Amino acid sequence: METQYQAPFGRQRNVGAILGWSSHWLLVAALLLPTVACTIGPDFAAPVAPLAEKFRGADNRSVKSGPREYEHWWEGFRDPTLNKLIQIAYNQNLTLESAGTRVLQARAVLGIAIGISYPQVQQGVGSVIYNRTSAATPLAGPNATPSYFWTDALAAQVAWELDFWGKFRRGVESADGVYLASIATYDGVLVSLLADVTATYIGIRTTEQLIGIARANVRRQEQALSIAKAKFTGGGTSELDVFQATNVLEQTRAAIPQLTIQLQQGQNALCVLLGVPPQSLGMLLSRSVGRVPSPPASVVVGIPADLLRRRPDVRAAELAALAQSAQIGIATTQLYPAISITGTFGGSASTANGHNLGQVVSWKGVAYAAGPSFQWNLLNYGQITNNIRLQDAKLQQLLIDYQNTVLSAQQEVDNGLATYLQSRNQAAYLRRSVEAANGALRIALEQYEQGATSFTTVLTAEQNLLQAQNSLAGASANVPLGLTAVFRALGGGWQIREGGNFVSPATVDQMRARTDWGNLLTPPNGPQPPTLGLPGPGDIGPTIRPPEW
């Protein structure tokens, strides 16, 4: 539906009289139409997803089912270095910054959708043209001569497609859904970032611990080698013991460079998460080297239904379906006529036949036209109906994706809980294993020195101890890693962005220096507008709103 109406330049108090009362009432009707017109297409209904009554690990004494929001879940590890890393990553991570710019893009698209609801064309036009008429037209006499004159025109025109079937209102609804989904996606990136920083940090500390274990075993094995050399020198044993001791020692030493590579790779990965080039993080990580963050003794996980309101990717999937549902309505409106009001008002004049260009703003030079029209797509050979079917199939896909997202979320929580709980049991067994291996090595060395056992017993004890210590380090790391996976799966941590922009202060300054962002992007030192919590369908705004200039 397109509406064209042109207001005059000057003499605006006479518009109603010039166009007549019928045109005046057509304009009033156009303004009031959205409040009474229908909205074609399905209204979005919250999708249903399969949910368990409780998580599989909820029966464990260390797992609670009470309410919790997990705003700063990493603080439960009681590690100041980790807290600092989290803050740096939130302020500087480039993947998160990119997600923030996509929120701004979606917000601008919403502003465009709102503006389309209003007169789609509103233009002031004018011209001044020098003319030479032909003296050789069929109406010109044989002795006619060309004439020369100026013409000018000045007018305003408006084209307004009325939203009689709700096409533009559905467009606003869809754009609003996409905008809110972009916020939920940003929150999902933030949740993953917090978990990635924590997991990477745990990996670094674990690798440092493994290097420490290797070095401690090198010292033990050097002692065993010294004993073997002394016994060989004294004739108490063959050189075989020396070779075997050397073999085990050098293998243990060789593990240190490989672990150092792993440590550097972990630090490089952490640098990227912090938004800085790969570099030494010695000063930042020097505190508590080799100490793996200690997880809390218990965790509150709530119930699976809580994931629907707290997990960002679940909300994003629901909002994506909402936005697509509105697209069905937009496609369906193409089956109906597009009703328009068009109008022009202005003046024209020329210097021919005694006139003058100044008459363009006089009553004599006034010209106007206004009235309704319609356009109806007939015989489209199934293009419109099949487009409706296409949009409906896309919606169904998104509804299925939503169900799959909910299922995957529950799986991730259960997997994280299993890792957290079972790794604690595993670590308890391995601690006793390490104690036993230490005792076995001590006795084996004493007996070897006394000649009561062969060096093979010592070698076996050394290898058993190293393996048990490495296994204990891995199991101990899996406890906080499993808990980190739980918090990631529960969707915790996105709340820290509330009250701020979606991009950093430096990016705000850079973008505002290029473009007028109005109230959509406030200066870092200015009052910040209230921000949404985790958005959902209930945050969809009205489909008729004032334009955003």
Protein backbone atom coordinates (compact mmCIF):
# COMPACT_ATOMS: atom_id res chain seq x y z
CA MET A 1 0.00 0.00 0.00
CA GLU A 2 1.68 3.24 -1.04
CA THR A 3 0.53 6.70 -0.01
CA GLN A 4 1.66 9.81 -1.73
CA TYR A 5 0.86 13.18 -0.32
CA GLN A 6 2.74 16.40 -1.01
CA ALA A 7 2.76 19.36 1.29
CA PRO A 8 3.33 22.77 -0.36
CA PHE A 9 6.35 24.92 0.17
CA GLY A 10 4.84 27.96 1.84
CA ARG A 11 1.14 28.64 2.35
CA GLN A 12 0.81 25.43 4.37
CA ARG A 13 -2.22 26.75 6.22
CA ASN A 14 -4.20 26.34 2.98
CA VAL A 15 -3.40 22.68 2.39
CA GLY A 16 -6.75 21.40 3.61
CA ALA A 17 -8.62 23.86 1.46
CA ILE A 18 -6.47 23.15 -1.58
CA LEU A 19 -6.72 19.39 -1.48
CA GLY A 20 -10.30 19.36 -0.35
CA TRP A 21 -11.91 17.70 2.62
CA SER A 22 -11.90 14.26 0.95
CA SER A 23 -8.11 14.20 0.72
CA HIS A 24 -7.88 15.45 4.30
CA TRP A 25 -9.97 12.58 5.56
CA LEU A 26 -7.97 10.11 3.46
CA LEU A 27 -4.86 11.26 5.31
CA VAL A 28 -6.56 10.94 8.68
CA ALA A 29 -7.73 7.44 7.73
CA ALA A 30 -4.19 6.50 6.74
CA LEU A 31 -2.88 7.59 10.13
CA LEU A 32 -5.57 5.68 12.01
CA LEU A 33 -5.57 2.56 9.81
CA PRO A 34 -2.85 0.61 11.69
CA THR A 35 -4.96 0.70 14.83
CA VAL A 36 -7.93 -0.97 13.16
CA ALA A 37 -6.40 -3.03 10.35
CA CYS A 38 -5.90 -6.76 10.64
CA THR A 39 -2.60 -8.60 10.94
CA ILE A 40 -2.27 -11.55 8.59
CA GLY A 41 -0.29 -14.64 9.54
CA PRO A 42 0.15 -16.84 12.61
CA ASP A 43 0.83 -15.35 16.03
CA PHE A 44 3.88 -16.91 17.64
CA ALA A 45 3.31 -19.49 20.35
CA ALA A 46 6.08 -20.57 22.71
CA PRO A 47 7.54 -23.85 21.43
CA VAL A 48 7.46 -26.99 23.54
CA ALA A 49 10.64 -28.96 24.18
CA PRO A 50 11.21 -32.28 25.97
CA LEU A 51 12.44 -31.71 29.52
CA ALA A 52 13.54 -34.09 32.22
CA GLU A 53 12.21 -33.58 35.74
CA LYS A 54 15.73 -33.38 37.15
CA PHE A 55 19.33 -33.80 36.11
CA ARG A 56 20.82 -37.26 36.40
CA GLY A 57 23.38 -36.22 38.99
CA ALA A 58 20.85 -34.36 41.14
CA ASP A 59 20.64 -37.22 43.66
CA ASN A 60 24.26 -36.75 44.71
CA ARG A 61 24.74 -35.06 48.08
CA SER A 62 27.01 -32.45 46.47
CA VAL A 63 24.35 -31.37 43.97
CA LYS A 64 21.57 -29.01 45.04
CA SER A 65 18.39 -28.14 43.15
CA GLY A 66 17.63 -24.71 44.60
CA PRO A 67 17.42 -21.49 42.58
CA ARG A 68 20.67 -19.80 41.57
CA GLU A 69 21.70 -17.38 38.82
CA TYR A 70 25.50 -18.00 38.69
CA GLU A 71 26.40 -14.35 37.95
CA HIS A 72 30.02 -14.76 39.14
CA TRP A 73 30.37 -18.53 39.33
CA TRP A 74 34.16 -18.44 38.70
CA GLU A 75 34.66 -16.67 42.02
CA GLY A 76 33.78 -19.96 43.69
CA PHE A 77 37.24 -21.23 42.72
CA ARG A 78 38.79 -18.63 45.06
CA ASP A 79 41.59 -17.75 42.64
CA PRO A 80 42.39 -14.00 42.32
CA THR A 81 44.37 -14.56 39.12
CA LEU A 82 41.39 -16.23 37.47
CA ASN A 83 39.13 -13.36 38.53
CA LYS A 84 41.53 -10.88 36.94
CA LEU A 85 41.74 -12.89 33.72
CA ILE A 86 37.95 -13.00 33.48
CA GLN A 87 37.72 -9.21 33.76
CA ILE A 88 40.42 -8.63 31.13
CA ALA A 89 38.76 -11.06 28.71
CA TYR A 90 35.36 -9.43 29.16
CA ASN A 91 36.83 -6.01 28.41
CA GLN A 92 39.10 -6.99 25.50
CA ASN A 93 38.02 -10.25 23.81
CA LEU A 94 37.56 -9.63 20.09
CA THR A 95 35.05 -12.39 19.46
CA LEU A 96 32.79 -10.85 22.10
CA GLU A 97 33.38 -7.41 20.60
CA SER A 98 32.34 -8.72 17.19
CA ALA A 99 29.16 -10.16 18.69
CA GLY A 100 28.47 -6.74 20.20
CA THR A 101 28.68 -5.06 16.80
CA ARG A 102 26.14 -7.57 15.47
CA VAL A 103 23.76 -6.40 18.19
CA LEU A 104 24.18 -2.84 16.92
CA GLN A 105 23.58 -4.00 13.35
CA ALA A 106 20.36 -5.73 14.35
CA ARG A 107 19.26 -2.64 16.27
CA ALA A 108 19.77 -0.46 13.21
CA VAL A 109 17.80 -2.94 11.07
CA LEU A 110 14.96 -2.68 13.59
CA GLY A 111 15.01 1.09 13.18
CA ILE A 112 14.73 0.64 9.42
CA ALA A 113 11.75 -1.71 9.84
CA ILE A 114 10.02 0.84 12.07
CA GLY A 115 10.59 3.59 9.50
CA ILE A 116 9.11 1.56 6.64
CA SER A 117 5.72 1.71 8.36
CA TYR A 118 5.56 5.42 7.63
CA PRO A 119 5.25 7.12 4.20
CA GLN A 120 7.82 5.24 2.19
CA VAL A 121 8.47 8.18 -0.13
CA GLN A 122 8.54 11.77 1.04
CA GLN A 123 10.43 14.03 -1.30
CA GLY A 124 10.80 17.64 -2.18
CA VAL A 125 11.45 18.10 -5.90
CA GLY A 126 12.20 21.12 -8.00
CA SER A 127 13.62 22.11 -11.35
CA VAL A 128 14.46 25.11 -13.53
CA ILE A 129 14.67 24.21 -17.25
CA TYR A 130 15.39 26.23 -20.37
CA ASN A 131 13.14 25.08 -23.28
CA ARG A 132 13.22 25.36 -27.05
CA THR A 133 10.06 24.15 -28.77
CA SER A 134 10.11 22.45 -32.15
CA ALA A 135 8.75 24.34 -35.17
CA ALA A 136 8.34 21.16 -37.18
CA THR A 137 5.60 19.34 -35.29
CA PRO A 138 2.36 18.32 -37.01
CA LEU A 139 0.52 21.16 -35.27
CA ALA A 140 3.02 23.84 -36.29
CA GLY A 141 2.30 25.95 -39.37
CA PRO A 142 4.68 26.12 -42.33
CA ASN A 143 6.00 29.49 -41.22
CA ALA A 144 6.25 28.63 -37.49
CA THR A 145 9.41 29.48 -35.65
CA PRO A 146 10.81 27.89 -32.49
CA SER A 147 9.98 29.51 -29.21
CA TYR A 148 12.27 29.87 -26.26
CA PHE A 149 11.24 30.01 -22.61
CA TRP A 150 12.05 28.93 -19.06
CA THR A 151 9.96 26.60 -16.86
CA ASP A 152 10.29 25.92 -13.18
CA ALA A 153 8.54 23.56 -10.76
CA LEU A 154 8.47 23.15 -7.03
CA ALA A 155 6.59 20.35 -5.29
CA ALA A 156 6.45 17.85 -2.46
CA GLN A 157 5.32 14.27 -2.92
CA VAL A 158 4.52 11.40 -0.60
CA ALA A 159 3.99 7.72 -1.31
CA TRP A 160 2.42 5.70 1.49
CA GLU A 161 1.61 2.02 1.28
CA LEU A 162 -0.92 1.49 4.02
CA ASP A 163 -0.29 -1.41 6.35
CA PHE A 164 -3.80 -2.74 5.85
CA TRP A 165 -2.82 -6.42 6.25
CA GLY A 166 -0.01 -5.99 8.77
CA LYS A 167 2.96 -6.51 6.46
CA PHE A 168 5.01 -3.74 8.03
CA ARG A 169 3.90 -4.56 11.57
CA ARG A 170 5.03 -8.13 11.02
CA GLY A 171 8.28 -6.71 9.69
CA VAL A 172 8.82 -4.78 12.92
CA GLU A 173 7.98 -7.90 14.93
CA SER A 174 10.46 -9.96 12.93
CA ALA A 175 13.21 -7.34 13.18
CA ASP A 176 12.58 -7.02 16.91
CA GLY A 177 12.94 -10.79 17.26
CA VAL A 178 16.21 -10.75 15.31
CA TYR A 179 17.50 -7.90 17.47
CA LEU A 180 16.65 -9.67 20.72
CA ALA A 181 18.13 -12.91 19.36
CA SER A 182 21.37 -11.02 18.65
CA ILE A 183 21.50 -9.99 22.32
CA ALA A 184 20.93 -13.58 23.41
CA THR A 185 23.65 -14.69 20.99
CA TYR A 186 25.99 -12.09 22.48
CA ASP A 187 25.19 -13.48 25.92
CA GLY A 188 25.93 -16.97 24.65
CA VAL A 189 29.34 -15.84 23.37
CA LEU A 190 30.00 -14.25 26.77
CA VAL A 191 29.05 -17.45 28.62
CA SER A 192 31.40 -19.46 26.39
CA LEU A 193 34.17 -16.90 26.82
CA LEU A 194 34.01 -17.09 30.61
CA ALA A 195 34.11 -20.88 30.51
CA ASP A 196 36.91 -20.93 27.91
CA VAL A 197 39.08 -18.60 29.98
CA THR A 198 38.50 -20.72 33.07
CA ALA A 199 39.15 -24.01 31.29
CA THR A 200 42.27 -22.67 29.58
CA TYR A 201 43.57 -21.33 32.88
CA ILE A 202 42.94 -24.69 34.57
CA GLY A 203 44.79 -26.37 31.70
CA ILE A 204 47.78 -24.06 32.15
CA ARG A 205 47.93 -24.69 35.89
CA THR A 206 47.60 -28.44 35.33
CA THR A 207 50.44 -28.42 32.80
CA GLU A 208 52.61 -26.48 35.25
CA GLN A 209 51.81 -29.13 37.83
CA LEU A 210 52.74 -31.92 35.40
CA ILE A 211 56.06 -30.21 34.69
CA GLY A 212 56.67 -30.02 38.43
CA ILE A 213 55.85 -33.73 38.78
CA ALA A 214 58.26 -34.59 35.95
CA ARG A 215 61.05 -32.55 37.51
CA ALA A 216 60.50 -34.12 40.93
CA ASN A 217 60.66 -37.59 39.36
CA VAL A 218 63.83 -36.62 37.49
CA ARG A 219 65.42 -35.89 40.84
CA ARG A 220 64.27 -39.23 42.23
CA GLN A 221 65.48 -41.09 39.17
CA GLU A 222 68.82 -39.29 39.29
CA GLN A 223 69.18 -40.61 42.84
CA ALA A 224 68.39 -44.14 41.64
CA LEU A 225 70.92 -43.78 38.83
CA SER A 226 73.58 -42.67 41.31
CA ILE A 227 72.88 -45.74 43.43
CA ALA A 228 73.11 -48.00 40.36
CA LYS A 229 76.40 -46.42 39.29
CA ALA A 230 77.83 -46.79 42.80
CA LYS A 231 76.85 -50.46 42.96
CA PHE A 232 78.28 -51.06 39.47
CA THR A 233 81.52 -49.32 40.38
CA GLY A 234 81.73 -51.39 43.54
CA GLY A 235 81.12 -54.58 41.59
CA GLY A 236 77.80 -55.24 43.28
CA THR A 237 75.82 -55.32 40.01
CA SER A 238 76.22 -55.28 36.28
CA GLU A 239 76.12 -52.21 34.02
CA LEU A 240 72.63 -53.28 32.99
CA ASP A 241 71.18 -51.46 35.99
CA VAL A 242 72.96 -48.25 34.94
CA PHE A 243 71.60 -48.47 31.41
CA GLN A 244 68.06 -49.17 32.64
CA ALA A 245 68.18 -46.30 35.13
CA THR A 246 69.51 -43.96 32.44
CA ASN A 247 66.79 -45.03 30.01
CA VAL A 248 63.97 -44.26 32.46
CA LEU A 249 65.58 -40.97 33.55
CA GLU A 250 65.99 -39.63 30.01
CA GLN A 251 62.45 -40.59 29.09
CA THR A 252 61.19 -38.59 32.04
CA ARG A 253 63.41 -35.66 31.10
CA ALA A 254 62.11 -35.83 27.53
CA ALA A 255 58.54 -35.33 28.76
CA ILE A 256 59.42 -31.85 30.08
CA PRO A 257 59.98 -30.19 26.66
CA GLN A 258 56.72 -31.67 25.39
CA LEU A 259 54.88 -30.38 28.43
CA THR A 260 56.56 -26.99 27.95
CA ILE A 261 55.20 -26.88 24.39
CA GLN A 262 51.76 -27.67 25.77
CA LEU A 263 52.16 -24.95 28.39
CA GLN A 264 53.14 -22.33 25.81
CA GLN A 265 50.26 -23.31 23.56
CA GLY A 266 47.87 -22.92 26.48
CA GLN A 267 49.29 -19.49 27.27
CA ASN A 268 48.97 -18.46 23.63
CA ALA A 269 45.35 -19.58 23.62
CA LEU A 270 44.76 -17.56 26.76
CA CYS A 271 46.33 -14.49 25.11
CA VAL A 272 43.84 -14.72 22.24
CA LEU A 273 40.98 -14.99 24.71
CA LEU A 274 42.33 -11.87 26.44
CA GLY A 275 42.45 -10.01 23.13
CA VAL A 276 46.26 -9.60 23.07
CA PRO A 277 48.97 -11.04 20.79
CA PRO A 278 50.70 -14.23 21.99
CA GLN A 279 53.22 -13.18 24.62
CA SER A 280 54.64 -14.21 27.94
CA LEU A 281 52.09 -14.02 30.73
CA GLY A 282 54.68 -14.58 33.43
CA MET A 283 53.81 -11.50 35.48
CA LEU A 284 50.10 -12.17 35.26
CA LEU A 285 50.37 -15.90 36.00
CA SER A 286 53.31 -15.83 38.40
CA ARG A 287 51.04 -16.05 41.41
CA SER A 288 50.21 -19.62 42.53
CA VAL A 289 52.13 -21.37 39.74
CA GLY A 290 51.07 -25.00 39.46
CA ARG A 291 48.11 -24.62 41.79
CA VAL A 292 44.95 -25.80 40.07
CA PRO A 293 41.87 -23.76 41.11
CA SER A 294 40.00 -25.49 43.88
CA PRO A 295 36.31 -26.09 43.12
CA PRO A 296 33.58 -25.66 45.74
CA ALA A 297 32.43 -28.76 47.55
CA SER A 298 28.90 -28.55 46.14
CA VAL A 299 27.04 -27.06 43.19
CA VAL A 300 23.49 -25.77 42.75
CA VAL A 301 22.04 -26.76 39.37
CA GLY A 302 18.31 -26.17 39.70
CA ILE A 303 16.03 -28.17 37.40
CA PRO A 304 16.13 -28.64 33.60
CA ALA A 305 13.18 -26.26 33.12
CA ASP A 306 15.39 -23.43 34.42
CA LEU A 307 17.48 -23.71 31.25
CA LEU A 308 14.60 -22.25 29.23
CA ARG A 309 14.81 -18.91 31.03
CA ARG A 310 18.52 -18.72 31.79
CA ARG A 311 20.49 -20.24 28.94
CA PRO A 312 21.22 -17.73 26.14
CA ASP A 313 21.30 -20.14 23.20
CA VAL A 314 17.88 -21.51 24.16
CA ARG A 315 16.48 -17.98 24.21
CA ALA A 316 18.22 -17.16 20.93
CA ALA A 317 16.70 -20.24 19.28
CA GLU A 318 13.21 -19.29 20.50
CA LEU A 319 13.59 -15.69 19.31
CA ALA A 320 14.85 -16.84 15.92
CA ALA A 321 11.67 -18.90 15.57
CA LEU A 322 9.59 -15.88 16.59
CA ALA A 323 11.26 -13.72 13.94
CA GLN A 324 10.65 -16.38 11.30
CA SER A 325 7.00 -16.77 12.34
CA ALA A 326 6.45 -13.10 11.46
CA GLN A 327 7.96 -13.76 8.03
CA ILE A 328 5.02 -16.08 7.27
CA GLY A 329 2.67 -13.17 7.84
CA ILE A 330 4.76 -10.91 5.61
CA ALA A 331 4.67 -13.49 2.82
CA THR A 332 0.91 -14.05 3.23
CA THR A 333 0.12 -10.35 2.75
CA GLN A 334 1.28 -10.71 -0.86
CA LEU A 335 -1.97 -12.62 -1.55
CA TYR A 336 -3.95 -9.43 -0.86
CA PRO A 337 -4.07 -6.08 -2.66
CA ALA A 338 -1.57 -3.43 -1.65
CA ILE A 339 -3.67 -0.33 -0.92
CA SER A 340 -1.98 3.00 -1.38
CA ILE A 341 -2.60 6.70 -1.07
CA THR A 342 -0.57 8.90 -3.36
CA GLY A 343 -0.39 12.65 -3.47
CA THR A 344 1.55 15.51 -4.97
CA PHE A 345 1.26 19.21 -4.29
CA GLY A 346 3.31 22.04 -5.69
CA GLY A 347 3.45 24.54 -8.48
CA SER A 348 4.88 25.09 -11.94
CA ALA A 349 5.34 28.15 -14.13
CA SER A 350 7.07 29.33 -17.28
CA THR A 351 8.09 32.50 -19.10
CA ALA A 352 5.95 31.61 -22.12
CA ASN A 353 2.81 33.55 -23.11
CA GLY A 354 3.44 36.40 -20.69
CA HIS A 355 3.88 34.28 -17.54
CA ASN A 356 6.84 34.46 -15.18
CA LEU A 357 8.76 31.97 -13.07
CA GLY A 358 7.65 33.61 -9.83
CA GLN A 359 4.14 32.26 -10.39
CA VAL A 360 5.42 28.86 -9.22
CA VAL A 361 4.53 29.91 -5.66
CA SER A 362 1.30 31.66 -6.56
CA TRP A 363 -2.21 30.24 -6.51
CA LYS A 364 -2.22 30.42 -10.31
CA GLY A 365 0.72 28.03 -10.59
CA VAL A 366 -0.55 25.51 -8.04
CA ALA A 367 -1.06 21.90 -9.13
CA TYR A 368 -1.99 18.95 -6.99
CA ALA A 369 -3.25 15.37 -7.18
CA ALA A 370 -4.25 12.90 -4.48
CA GLY A 371 -6.14 9.67 -4.25
CA PRO A 372 -6.12 5.99 -3.39
CA SER A 373 -4.86 3.16 -5.57
CA PHE A 374 -4.20 -0.52 -5.26
CA GLN A 375 -1.93 -3.16 -6.70
CA TRP A 376 -2.83 -6.84 -6.66
CA ASN A 377 -0.56 -9.67 -7.69
CA LEU A 378 -2.77 -11.86 -9.88
CA LEU A 379 -1.79 -15.05 -11.67
CA ASN A 380 1.52 -15.36 -9.87
CA TYR A 381 1.66 -19.03 -10.84
CA GLY A 382 2.12 -20.26 -7.28
CA GLN A 383 5.08 -18.03 -6.44
CA ILE A 384 3.39 -16.38 -3.47
CA THR A 385 1.80 -19.53 -2.03
CA ASN A 386 5.07 -21.43 -2.36
CA ASN A 387 6.94 -18.59 -0.68
CA ILE A 388 4.48 -18.88 2.22
CA ARG A 389 5.20 -22.60 2.36
CA LEU A 390 8.93 -21.87 2.27
CA GLN A 391 8.66 -19.49 5.23
CA ASP A 392 6.55 -22.02 7.15
CA ALA A 393 9.09 -24.78 6.54
CA LYS A 394 11.85 -22.49 7.81
CA LEU A 395 9.81 -21.87 10.94
CA GLN A 396 9.33 -25.58 11.50
CA GLN A 397 13.06 -26.14 11.12
CA LEU A 398 13.75 -23.48 13.75
CA LEU A 399 11.20 -25.02 16.12
CA ILE A 400 12.95 -28.37 15.77
CA ASP A 401 16.32 -26.65 16.26
CA TYR A 402 14.92 -25.13 19.45
CA GLN A 403 13.94 -28.57 20.76
CA ASN A 404 17.37 -29.91 19.87
CA THR A 405 19.03 -26.97 21.63
CA VAL A 406 17.07 -27.73 24.80
CA LEU A 407 18.01 -31.41 24.63
CA SER A 408 21.67 -30.58 24.05
CA ALA A 409 21.62 -28.17 26.98
CA GLN A 410 20.39 -30.89 29.33
CA GLN A 411 23.00 -33.29 27.95
CA GLU A 412 25.79 -30.77 28.58
CA VAL A 413 24.69 -30.22 32.17
CA ASP A 414 24.55 -33.96 32.84
CA ASN A 415 27.93 -34.52 31.15
CA GLY A 416 29.51 -31.77 33.23
CA LEU A 417 28.00 -33.14 36.43
CA ALA A 418 29.25 -36.64 35.64
CA THR A 419 32.77 -35.31 35.04
CA TYR A 420 32.70 -33.23 38.22
CA LEU A 421 31.34 -35.95 40.49
CA GLN A 422 33.19 -38.98 39.10
CA SER A 423 36.51 -37.15 38.81
CA ARG A 424 36.29 -36.39 42.52
CA ASN A 425 35.93 -40.11 43.22
CA GLN A 426 38.74 -40.89 40.78
CA ALA A 427 41.04 -38.33 42.39
CA ALA A 428 40.39 -39.79 45.85
CA TYR A 429 41.44 -43.26 44.66
CA LEU A 430 44.49 -41.88 42.87
CA ARG A 431 45.69 -40.00 45.95
CA ARG A 432 45.87 -43.31 47.77
CA SER A 433 47.58 -44.81 44.72
CA VAL A 434 50.23 -42.08 44.79
CA GLU A 435 50.81 -42.61 48.49
CA ALA A 436 51.26 -46.33 47.89
CA ALA A 437 53.55 -45.75 44.91
CA ASN A 438 55.71 -43.39 46.98
CA GLY A 439 56.01 -46.02 49.69
CA ALA A 440 56.81 -48.74 47.17
CA LEU A 441 59.59 -46.68 45.59
CA ARG A 442 61.11 -45.83 48.95
CA ILE A 443 61.20 -49.48 50.03
CA ALA A 444 62.45 -50.62 46.60
CA LEU A 445 65.37 -48.21 46.75
CA GLU A 446 66.25 -49.30 50.30
CA GLN A 447 66.14 -52.98 49.37
CA TYR A 448 68.15 -52.35 46.19
CA GLU A 449 70.86 -50.59 48.12
CA GLN A 450 70.95 -53.52 50.55
CA GLY A 451 71.05 -55.99 47.68
CA ALA A 452 67.74 -57.56 48.69
CA THR A 453 66.02 -56.93 45.33
CA SER A 454 66.83 -56.31 41.69
CA PHE A 455 66.87 -52.93 39.99
CA THR A 456 63.83 -53.98 37.96
CA THR A 457 61.75 -53.52 41.11
CA VAL A 458 63.04 -49.95 41.42
CA LEU A 459 62.27 -49.19 37.77
CA THR A 460 58.76 -50.52 38.12
CA ALA A 461 58.21 -48.47 41.27
CA GLU A 462 59.51 -45.31 39.54
CA GLN A 463 57.23 -45.78 36.54
CA ASN A 464 54.25 -46.58 38.73
CA LEU A 465 54.78 -43.42 40.77
CA LEU A 466 55.11 -41.16 37.73
CA GLN A 467 52.02 -42.67 36.13
CA ALA A 468 49.99 -42.39 39.34
CA GLN A 469 51.02 -38.76 39.88
CA ASN A 470 50.17 -37.81 36.29
CA SER A 471 46.83 -39.58 36.55
CA LEU A 472 46.08 -37.80 39.82
CA ALA A 473 46.91 -34.42 38.26
CA GLY A 474 44.57 -35.15 35.35
CA ALA A 475 41.73 -36.34 37.56
CA SER A 476 42.19 -33.40 39.93
CA ALA A 477 42.00 -31.00 36.98
CA ASN A 478 38.87 -32.70 35.67
CA VAL A 479 37.01 -31.75 38.84
CA PRO A 480 37.12 -27.96 38.21
CA LEU A 481 36.90 -28.57 34.45
CA GLY A 482 33.73 -30.59 34.95
CA LEU A 483 32.30 -27.87 37.17
CA THR A 484 33.22 -25.25 34.57
CA ALA A 485 31.36 -27.30 31.98
CA VAL A 486 28.34 -27.39 34.32
CA PHE A 487 28.29 -23.60 34.67
CA ARG A 488 28.74 -23.17 30.93
CA ALA A 489 25.83 -25.54 30.32
CA LEU A 490 23.67 -23.76 32.90
CA GLY A 491 24.23 -20.49 31.05
CA GLY A 492 25.85 -18.60 33.89
CA GLY A 493 27.84 -15.37 33.76
CA TRP A 494 26.16 -13.31 31.03
CA GLN A 495 24.72 -11.05 33.76
CA ILE A 496 28.03 -9.16 34.06
CA ARG A 497 27.26 -7.22 30.86
CA GLU A 498 24.10 -5.64 32.31
CA GLY A 499 24.29 -1.86 32.55
CA GLY A 500 26.93 -1.40 29.84
CA ASN A 501 27.31 -1.13 26.09
CA PHE A 502 27.71 -4.22 23.96
CA VAL A 503 31.03 -2.90 22.67
CA SER A 504 34.06 -1.49 24.46
CA PRO A 505 34.50 2.24 25.20
CA ALA A 506 37.21 2.46 22.52
CA THR A 507 34.86 1.01 19.93
CA VAL A 508 32.07 3.36 21.04
CA ASP A 509 34.36 6.36 20.52
CA GLN A 510 35.52 5.06 17.15
CA MET A 511 31.99 4.44 15.85
CA ARG A 512 30.60 7.71 17.18
CA ALA A 513 33.45 9.60 15.51
CA ARG A 514 32.31 8.19 12.15
CA THR A 515 28.53 8.15 12.53
CA ASP A 516 25.74 9.79 14.50
CA TRP A 517 24.41 6.89 16.58
CA GLY A 518 22.00 9.01 18.58
CA ASN A 519 20.76 7.28 21.70
CA LEU A 520 21.58 3.82 20.36
CA LEU A 521 25.23 4.18 21.33
CA THR A 522 25.88 6.42 24.32
CA PRO A 523 29.32 7.83 25.15
CA PRO A 524 31.27 5.76 27.70
CA ASN A 525 31.28 8.66 30.17
CA GLY A 526 27.59 9.43 29.67
CA PRO A 527 24.56 7.94 31.40
CA GLN A 528 23.97 4.46 30.08
CA PRO A 529 20.45 3.45 29.04
CA PRO A 530 18.87 0.53 30.88
CA THR A 531 19.71 -2.77 29.21
CA LEU A 532 17.67 -5.91 28.93
CA GLY A 533 18.38 -8.98 30.94
CA LEU A 534 18.42 -12.19 28.97
CA PRO A 535 15.77 -11.34 26.32
CA GLY A 536 12.75 -13.45 25.47
CA PRO A 537 9.50 -13.22 23.50
CA GLY A 538 7.97 -11.11 26.27
CA ASP A 539 10.42 -8.33 25.41
CA ILE A 540 9.02 -7.83 21.91
CA GLY A 541 7.91 -4.22 21.72
CA PRO A 542 4.83 -2.68 20.07
CA THR A 543 4.70 -3.03 16.30
CA ILE A 544 3.71 0.63 15.87
CA ARG A 545 6.40 2.98 17.17
CA PRO A 546 7.64 6.49 16.48
CA PRO A 547 10.42 6.73 13.90
CA GLU A 548 13.96 6.64 15.22
CA TRP A 549 15.84 9.54 13.74
